[in-house]
Amino acid sequence: MNISVEVASSDHSDFEITELYLRLVTDDFAAYLIQKKRYRGVRTDQGQVLFPPYRLFCNDRVVFSLKKIWIFHALRQEGIRL
């Protein structure tokens, strides 16, 4: 399992919103992000977490979980910040 961590921001709004965007990616796309986009991969027991080349701050412990609202699923994280 590969989890990609990216920064998403709104460019078309009066309010500036920036948040972290998490998604599950395939092994081929993970290799593409590492080789072409210069993401750095951190191996864990459960898989690999891919971080972008710019600086994100991580606590000593990072937790990923799955959040379900009605029929929608989303990955959630605690411990990573801009």
PDB file of N, CA and C in Angstrom:
ATOM      1  N   MET A   1       0.850  -1.175   0.000  1.00  0.00           N
ATOM      2  CA  MET A   1       0.000   0.000   0.000  1.00  0.00           C
ATOM      3  C   MET A   1       0.893   1.235   0.000  1.00  0.00           C
ATOM      4  N   ASN A   2       0.549   2.196  -0.835  1.00  0.00           N
ATOM      5  CA  ASN A   2       1.265   3.461  -0.935  1.00  0.00           C
ATOM      6  C   ASN A   2       0.296   4.604  -0.658  1.00  0.00           C
ATOM      7  N   ILE A   3       0.698   5.514   0.212  1.00  0.00           N
ATOM      8  CA  ILE A   3      -0.105   6.697   0.523  1.00  0.00           C
ATOM      9  C   ILE A   3       0.679   7.922   0.081  1.00  0.00           C
ATOM     10  N   SER A   4       0.071   8.730  -0.768  1.00  0.00           N
ATOM     11  CA  SER A   4       0.682   9.960  -1.244  1.00  0.00           C
ATOM     12  C   SER A   4       0.147  11.131  -0.418  1.00  0.00           C
ATOM     13  N   VAL A   5       1.043  11.969   0.094  1.00  0.00           N
ATOM     14  CA  VAL A   5       0.672  13.163   0.854  1.00  0.00           C
ATOM     15  C   VAL A   5       0.976  14.373  -0.020  1.00  0.00           C
ATOM     16  N   GLU A   6      -0.050  15.178  -0.321  1.00  0.00           N
ATOM     17  CA  GLU A   6       0.117  16.352  -1.162  1.00  0.00           C
ATOM     18  C   GLU A   6      -0.542  17.559  -0.506  1.00  0.00           C
ATOM     19  N   VAL A   7      -0.178  18.733  -0.972  1.00  0.00           N
ATOM     20  CA  VAL A   7      -0.777  19.964  -0.462  1.00  0.00           C
ATOM     21  C   VAL A   7      -1.772  20.462  -1.489  1.00  0.00           C
ATOM     22  N   ALA A   8      -3.006  20.697  -1.064  1.00  0.00           N
ATOM     23  CA  ALA A   8      -4.064  21.222  -1.935  1.00  0.00           C
ATOM     24  C   ALA A   8      -4.428  22.606  -1.449  1.00  0.00           C
ATOM     25  N   SER A   9      -4.542  23.538  -2.393  1.00  0.00           N
ATOM     26  CA  SER A   9      -4.940  24.897  -2.018  1.00  0.00           C
ATOM     27  C   SER A   9      -5.947  25.417  -3.030  1.00  0.00           C
ATOM     28  N   SER A  10      -6.761  26.357  -2.593  1.00  0.00           N
ATOM     29  CA  SER A  10      -7.777  26.941  -3.469  1.00  0.00           C
ATOM     30  C   SER A  10      -7.221  28.205  -4.100  1.00  0.00           C
ATOM     31  N   ASP A  11      -7.319  28.274  -5.410  1.00  0.00           N
ATOM     32  CA  ASP A  11      -6.870  29.461  -6.132  1.00  0.00           C
ATOM     33  C   ASP A  11      -8.035  30.318  -6.607  1.00  0.00           C
ATOM     34  N   HIS A  12      -9.244  29.774  -6.551  1.00  0.00           N
ATOM     35  CA  HIS A  12     -10.397  30.457  -7.126  1.00  0.00           C
ATOM     36  C   HIS A  12     -11.397  30.880  -6.058  1.00  0.00           C
ATOM     37  N   SER A  13     -10.893  31.369  -4.953  1.00  0.00           N
ATOM     38  CA  SER A  13     -11.786  31.733  -3.862  1.00  0.00           C
ATOM     39  C   SER A  13     -11.271  32.994  -3.187  1.00  0.00           C
ATOM     40  N   ASP A  14     -12.163  33.675  -2.503  1.00  0.00           N
ATOM     41  CA  ASP A  14     -11.757  34.846  -1.738  1.00  0.00           C
ATOM     42  C   ASP A  14     -11.013  34.444  -0.473  1.00  0.00           C
ATOM     43  N   PHE A  15     -11.261  33.232  -0.015  1.00  0.00           N
ATOM     44  CA  PHE A  15     -10.600  32.714   1.183  1.00  0.00           C
ATOM     45  C   PHE A  15      -9.469  31.790   0.770  1.00  0.00           C
ATOM     46  N   GLU A  16      -8.343  31.957   1.386  1.00  0.00           N
ATOM     47  CA  GLU A  16      -7.209  31.108   1.082  1.00  0.00           C
ATOM     48  C   GLU A  16      -7.266  29.866   1.957  1.00  0.00           C
ATOM     49  N   ILE A  17      -7.424  28.716   1.341  1.00  0.00           N
ATOM     50  CA  ILE A  17      -7.522  27.452   2.068  1.00  0.00           C
ATOM     51  C   ILE A  17      -6.412  26.535   1.580  1.00  0.00           C
ATOM     52  N   THR A  18      -5.643  26.033   2.510  1.00  0.00           N
ATOM     53  CA  THR A  18      -4.597  25.073   2.188  1.00  0.00           C
ATOM     54  C   THR A  18      -4.719  23.914   3.156  1.00  0.00           C
ATOM     55  N   GLU A  19      -4.737  22.711   2.609  1.00  0.00           N
ATOM     56  CA  GLU A  19      -4.837  21.521   3.460  1.00  0.00           C
ATOM     57  C   GLU A  19      -4.068  20.376   2.827  1.00  0.00           C
ATOM     58  N   LEU A  20      -3.845  19.360   3.604  1.00  0.00           N
ATOM     59  CA  LEU A  20      -3.163  18.181   3.104  1.00  0.00           C
ATOM     60  C   LEU A  20      -4.160  17.259   2.421  1.00  0.00           C
ATOM     61  N   TYR A  21      -3.746  16.682   1.317  1.00  0.00           N
ATOM     62  CA  TYR A  21      -4.578  15.782   0.530  1.00  0.00           C
ATOM     63  C   TYR A  21      -3.902  14.419   0.508  1.00  0.00           C
ATOM     64  N   LEU A  22      -4.595  13.394   0.956  1.00  0.00           N
ATOM     65  CA  LEU A  22      -4.058  12.034   1.012  1.00  0.00           C
ATOM     66  C   LEU A  22      -4.775  11.169   0.000  1.00  0.00           C
ATOM     67  N   ARG A  23      -4.024  10.278  -0.644  1.00  0.00           N
ATOM     68  CA  ARG A  23      -4.663   9.319  -1.540  1.00  0.00           C
ATOM     69  C   ARG A  23      -3.829   8.056  -1.630  1.00  0.00           C
ATOM     70  N   LEU A  24      -4.514   6.965  -1.898  1.00  0.00           N
ATOM     71  CA  LEU A  24      -3.848   5.689  -2.126  1.00  0.00           C
ATOM     72  C   LEU A  24      -3.412   5.638  -3.585  1.00  0.00           C
ATOM     73  N   VAL A  25      -2.166   5.246  -3.839  1.00  0.00           N
ATOM     74  CA  VAL A  25      -1.652   5.184  -5.205  1.00  0.00           C
ATOM     75  C   VAL A  25      -1.090   3.800  -5.479  1.00  0.00           C
ATOM     76  N   THR A  26      -1.044   3.446  -6.742  1.00  0.00           N
ATOM     77  CA  THR A  26      -0.494   2.153  -7.157  1.00  0.00           C
ATOM     78  C   THR A  26       1.029   2.171  -7.065  1.00  0.00           C
ATOM     79  N   ASP A  27       1.633   1.001  -7.163  1.00  0.00           N
ATOM     80  CA  ASP A  27       3.094   0.907  -7.136  1.00  0.00           C
ATOM     81  C   ASP A  27       3.724   1.622  -8.323  1.00  0.00           C
ATOM     82  N   ASP A  28       3.104   1.530  -9.498  1.00  0.00           N
ATOM     83  CA  ASP A  28       3.637   2.205 -10.687  1.00  0.00           C
ATOM     84  C   ASP A  28       3.600   3.718 -10.527  1.00  0.00           C
ATOM     85  N   PHE A  29       2.495   4.238 -10.009  1.00  0.00           N
ATOM     86  CA  PHE A  29       2.392   5.684  -9.815  1.00  0.00           C
ATOM     87  C   PHE A  29       3.328   6.153  -8.707  1.00  0.00           C
ATOM     88  N   ALA A  30       3.527   5.333  -7.685  1.00  0.00           N
ATOM     89  CA  ALA A  30       4.474   5.674  -6.617  1.00  0.00           C
ATOM     90  C   ALA A  30       5.891   5.776  -7.185  1.00  0.00           C
ATOM     91  N   ALA A  31       6.254   4.847  -8.064  1.00  0.00           N
ATOM     92  CA  ALA A  31       7.572   4.903  -8.704  1.00  0.00           C
ATOM     93  C   ALA A  31       7.705   6.161  -9.563  1.00  0.00           C
ATOM     94  N   TYR A  32       6.630   6.545 -10.256  1.00  0.00           N
ATOM     95  CA  TYR A  32       6.627   7.772 -11.053  1.00  0.00           C
ATOM     96  C   TYR A  32       6.836   9.001 -10.168  1.00  0.00           C
ATOM     97  N   LEU A  33       6.130   9.059  -9.038  1.00  0.00           N
ATOM     98  CA  LEU A  33       6.276  10.209  -8.141  1.00  0.00           C
ATOM     99  C   LEU A  33       7.697  10.315  -7.593  1.00  0.00           C
ATOM    100  N   ILE A  34       8.301   9.191  -7.278  1.00  0.00           N
ATOM    101  CA  ILE A  34       9.664   9.198  -6.736  1.00  0.00           C
ATOM    102  C   ILE A  34      10.676   9.597  -7.798  1.00  0.00           C
ATOM    103  N   GLN A  35      10.564   9.030  -8.994  1.00  0.00           N
ATOM    104  CA  GLN A  35      11.561   9.278 -10.039  1.00  0.00           C
ATOM    105  C   GLN A  35      11.380  10.622 -10.730  1.00  0.00           C
ATOM    106  N   LYS A  36      10.162  10.964 -11.101  1.00  0.00           N
ATOM    107  CA  LYS A  36       9.939  12.176 -11.905  1.00  0.00           C
ATOM    108  C   LYS A  36       9.603  13.411 -11.079  1.00  0.00           C
ATOM    109  N   LYS A  37       8.861  13.247 -10.010  1.00  0.00           N
ATOM    110  CA  LYS A  37       8.421  14.390  -9.212  1.00  0.00           C
ATOM    111  C   LYS A  37       9.271  14.592  -7.959  1.00  0.00           C
ATOM    112  N   ARG A  38      10.253  13.714  -7.747  1.00  0.00           N
ATOM    113  CA  ARG A  38      11.212  13.800  -6.632  1.00  0.00           C
ATOM    114  C   ARG A  38      10.565  13.682  -5.255  1.00  0.00           C
ATOM    115  N   TYR A  39       9.500  12.901  -5.162  1.00  0.00           N
ATOM    116  CA  TYR A  39       8.907  12.620  -3.855  1.00  0.00           C
ATOM    117  C   TYR A  39       9.862  11.734  -3.071  1.00  0.00           C
ATOM    118  N   ARG A  40       9.817  11.828  -1.762  1.00  0.00           N
ATOM    119  CA  ARG A  40      10.641  10.947  -0.940  1.00  0.00           C
ATOM    120  C   ARG A  40       9.718   9.914  -0.292  1.00  0.00           C
ATOM    121  N   GLY A  41      10.160   8.680  -0.336  1.00  0.00           N
ATOM    122  CA  GLY A  41       9.357   7.597   0.209  1.00  0.00           C
ATOM    123  C   GLY A  41       9.873   7.168   1.567  1.00  0.00           C
ATOM    124  N   VAL A  42       8.965   6.992   2.493  1.00  0.00           N
ATOM    125  CA  VAL A  42       9.304   6.504   3.831  1.00  0.00           C
ATOM    126  C   VAL A  42       8.611   5.153   3.997  1.00  0.00           C
ATOM    127  N   ARG A  43       9.398   4.111   4.179  1.00  0.00           N
ATOM    128  CA  ARG A  43       8.842   2.765   4.328  1.00  0.00           C
ATOM    129  C   ARG A  43       8.359   2.544   5.759  1.00  0.00           C
ATOM    130  N   THR A  44       7.202   1.917   5.876  1.00  0.00           N
ATOM    131  CA  THR A  44       6.653   1.546   7.169  1.00  0.00           C
ATOM    132  C   THR A  44       6.301   0.060   7.127  1.00  0.00           C
ATOM    133  N   ASP A  45       5.828  -0.467   8.233  1.00  0.00           N
ATOM    134  CA  ASP A  45       5.420  -1.867   8.270  1.00  0.00           C
ATOM    135  C   ASP A  45       4.223  -2.133   7.356  1.00  0.00           C
ATOM    136  N   GLN A  46       3.348  -1.147   7.190  1.00  0.00           N
ATOM    137  CA  GLN A  46       2.141  -1.320   6.399  1.00  0.00           C
ATOM    138  C   GLN A  46       2.319  -0.935   4.936  1.00  0.00           C
ATOM    139  N   GLY A  47       3.370  -0.242   4.585  1.00  0.00           N
ATOM    140  CA  GLY A  47       3.574   0.180   3.203  1.00  0.00           C
ATOM    141  C   GLY A  47       4.517   1.366   3.128  1.00  0.00           C
ATOM    142  N   GLN A  48       4.286   2.219   2.145  1.00  0.00           N
ATOM    143  CA  GLN A  48       5.162   3.351   1.888  1.00  0.00           C
ATOM    144  C   GLN A  48       4.348   4.649   1.916  1.00  0.00           C
ATOM    145  N   VAL A  49       4.907   5.678   2.551  1.00  0.00           N
ATOM    146  CA  VAL A  49       4.291   7.006   2.576  1.00  0.00           C
ATOM    147  C   VAL A  49       5.169   7.914   1.725  1.00  0.00           C
ATOM    148  N   LEU A  50       4.562   8.590   0.756  1.00  0.00           N
ATOM    149  CA  LEU A  50       5.290   9.445  -0.180  1.00  0.00           C
ATOM    150  C   LEU A  50       5.054  10.908   0.166  1.00  0.00           C
ATOM    151  N   PHE A  51       6.145  11.633   0.402  1.00  0.00           N
ATOM    152  CA  PHE A  51       6.077  13.049   0.735  1.00  0.00           C
ATOM    153  C   PHE A  51       6.616  13.876  -0.421  1.00  0.00           C
ATOM    154  N   PRO A  52       6.028  15.057  -0.689  1.00  0.00           N
ATOM    155  CA  PRO A  52       6.525  15.919  -1.765  1.00  0.00           C
ATOM    156  C   PRO A  52       7.902  16.474  -1.429  1.00  0.00           C
ATOM    157  N   PRO A  53       8.594  17.041  -2.443  1.00  0.00           N
ATOM    158  CA  PRO A  53       9.966  17.512  -2.211  1.00  0.00           C
ATOM    159  C   PRO A  53      10.080  18.720  -1.292  1.00  0.00           C
ATOM    160  N   TYR A  54       9.000  19.448  -1.051  1.00  0.00           N
ATOM    161  CA  TYR A  54       9.080  20.579  -0.131  1.00  0.00           C
ATOM    162  C   TYR A  54       8.826  20.104   1.291  1.00  0.00           C
ATOM    163  N   ARG A  55       9.111  20.945   2.223  1.00  0.00           N
ATOM    164  CA  ARG A  55       9.155  20.573   3.635  1.00  0.00           C
ATOM    165  C   ARG A  55       7.766  20.474   4.258  1.00  0.00           C
ATOM    166  N   LEU A  56       7.477  19.323   4.830  1.00  0.00           N
ATOM    167  CA  LEU A  56       6.317  19.120   5.689  1.00  0.00           C
ATOM    168  C   LEU A  56       6.852  18.724   7.055  1.00  0.00           C
ATOM    169  N   PHE A  57       6.193  19.141   8.093  1.00  0.00           N
ATOM    170  CA  PHE A  57       6.628  18.823   9.443  1.00  0.00           C
ATOM    171  C   PHE A  57       5.863  17.606   9.949  1.00  0.00           C
ATOM    172  N   CYS A  58       6.595  16.652  10.476  1.00  0.00           N
ATOM    173  CA  CYS A  58       5.987  15.427  10.998  1.00  0.00           C
ATOM    174  C   CYS A  58       6.308  15.295  12.478  1.00  0.00           C
ATOM    175  N   ASN A  59       5.315  14.904  13.239  1.00  0.00           N
ATOM    176  CA  ASN A  59       5.534  14.593  14.643  1.00  0.00           C
ATOM    177  C   ASN A  59       6.245  13.247  14.755  1.00  0.00           C
ATOM    178  N   ASP A  60       6.599  12.866  15.966  1.00  0.00           N
ATOM    179  CA  ASP A  60       7.236  11.567  16.178  1.00  0.00           C
ATOM    180  C   ASP A  60       6.312  10.419  15.789  1.00  0.00           C
ATOM    181  N   ARG A  61       5.020  10.653  15.907  1.00  0.00           N
ATOM    182  CA  ARG A  61       4.038   9.616  15.583  1.00  0.00           C
ATOM    183  C   ARG A  61       3.019  10.183  14.599  1.00  0.00           C
ATOM    184  N   VAL A  62       2.854   9.491  13.467  1.00  0.00           N
ATOM    185  CA  VAL A  62       1.880   9.865  12.458  1.00  0.00           C
ATOM    186  C   VAL A  62       0.867   8.734  12.354  1.00  0.00           C
ATOM    187  N   VAL A  63      -0.425   9.085  12.381  1.00  0.00           N
ATOM    188  CA  VAL A  63      -1.492   8.086  12.356  1.00  0.00           C
ATOM    189  C   VAL A  63      -2.370   8.334  11.134  1.00  0.00           C
ATOM    190  N   PHE A  64      -2.605   7.281  10.340  1.00  0.00           N
ATOM    191  CA  PHE A  64      -3.528   7.334   9.218  1.00  0.00           C
ATOM    192  C   PHE A  64      -4.749   6.511   9.581  1.00  0.00           C
ATOM    193  N   SER A  65      -5.920   7.011   9.231  1.00  0.00           N
ATOM    194  CA  SER A  65      -7.147   6.274   9.505  1.00  0.00           C
ATOM    195  C   SER A  65      -8.130   6.506   8.362  1.00  0.00           C
ATOM    196  N   LEU A  66      -9.173   5.695   8.337  1.00  0.00           N
ATOM    197  CA  LEU A  66     -10.198   5.805   7.319  1.00  0.00           C
ATOM    198  C   LEU A  66     -11.442   6.408   7.938  1.00  0.00           C
ATOM    199  N   LYS A  67     -11.966   7.462   7.307  1.00  0.00           N
ATOM    200  CA  LYS A  67     -13.145   8.155   7.807  1.00  0.00           C
ATOM    201  C   LYS A  67     -14.286   7.904   6.825  1.00  0.00           C
ATOM    202  N   LYS A  68     -15.441   7.546   7.337  1.00  0.00           N
ATOM    203  CA  LYS A  68     -16.597   7.284   6.484  1.00  0.00           C
ATOM    204  C   LYS A  68     -17.740   8.214   6.872  1.00  0.00           C
ATOM    205  N   ILE A  69     -18.241   8.933   5.884  1.00  0.00           N
ATOM    206  CA  ILE A  69     -19.409   9.789   6.062  1.00  0.00           C
ATOM    207  C   ILE A  69     -20.436   9.330   5.038  1.00  0.00           C
ATOM    208  N   TRP A  70     -21.495   8.762   5.535  1.00  0.00           N
ATOM    209  CA  TRP A  70     -22.559   8.210   4.731  1.00  0.00           C
ATOM    210  C   TRP A  70     -21.996   7.154   3.791  1.00  0.00           C
ATOM    211  N   ILE A  71     -21.856   7.414   2.469  1.00  0.00           N
ATOM    212  CA  ILE A  71     -21.275   6.426   1.563  1.00  0.00           C
ATOM    213  C   ILE A  71     -19.876   6.834   1.102  1.00  0.00           C
ATOM    214  N   PHE A  72     -19.367   7.954   1.596  1.00  0.00           N
ATOM    215  CA  PHE A  72     -18.073   8.473   1.161  1.00  0.00           C
ATOM    216  C   PHE A  72     -16.981   8.059   2.139  1.00  0.00           C
ATOM    217  N   HIS A  73     -15.831   7.694   1.602  1.00  0.00           N
ATOM    218  CA  HIS A  73     -14.674   7.319   2.411  1.00  0.00           C
ATOM    219  C   HIS A  73     -13.549   8.316   2.162  1.00  0.00           C
ATOM    220  N   ALA A  74     -12.796   8.611   3.180  1.00  0.00           N
ATOM    221  CA  ALA A  74     -11.661   9.528   3.065  1.00  0.00           C
ATOM    222  C   ALA A  74     -10.559   9.083   4.020  1.00  0.00           C
ATOM    223  N   LEU A  75      -9.325   9.267   3.586  1.00  0.00           N
ATOM    224  CA  LEU A  75      -8.188   9.016   4.468  1.00  0.00           C
ATOM    225  C   LEU A  75      -8.003  10.214   5.376  1.00  0.00           C
ATOM    226  N   ARG A  76      -7.647   9.955   6.615  1.00  0.00           N
ATOM    227  CA  ARG A  76      -7.423  11.006   7.602  1.00  0.00           C
ATOM    228  C   ARG A  76      -6.033  10.818   8.182  1.00  0.00           C
ATOM    229  N   GLN A  77      -5.407  11.889   8.584  1.00  0.00           N
ATOM    230  CA  GLN A  77      -4.069  11.801   9.175  1.00  0.00           C
ATOM    231  C   GLN A  77      -3.985  12.685  10.410  1.00  0.00           C
ATOM    232  N   GLU A  78      -3.107  12.298  11.299  1.00  0.00           N
ATOM    233  CA  GLU A  78      -2.753  13.117  12.447  1.00  0.00           C
ATOM    234  C   GLU A  78      -1.233  13.080  12.571  1.00  0.00           C
ATOM    235  N   GLY A  79      -0.626  14.224  12.732  1.00  0.00           N
ATOM    236  CA  GLY A  79       0.812  14.279  12.949  1.00  0.00           C
ATOM    237  C   GLY A  79       1.614  14.894  11.838  1.00  0.00           C
ATOM    238  N   ILE A  80       0.985  15.270  10.712  1.00  0.00           N
ATOM    239  CA  ILE A  80       1.687  15.937   9.613  1.00  0.00           C
ATOM    240  C   ILE A  80       1.080  17.326   9.472  1.00  0.00           C
ATOM    241  N   ARG A  81       1.954  18.336   9.350  1.00  0.00           N
ATOM    242  CA  ARG A  81       1.464  19.700   9.174  1.00  0.00           C
ATOM    243  C   ARG A  81       2.375  20.467   8.230  1.00  0.00           C
ATOM    244  N   LEU A  82       1.869  21.579   7.732  1.00  0.00           N
ATOM    245  CA  LEU A  82       2.633  22.422   6.800  1.00  0.00           C
ATOM    246  C   LEU A  82       3.638  23.267   7.529  1.00  0.00           C
TER     247      LEU A  82
END
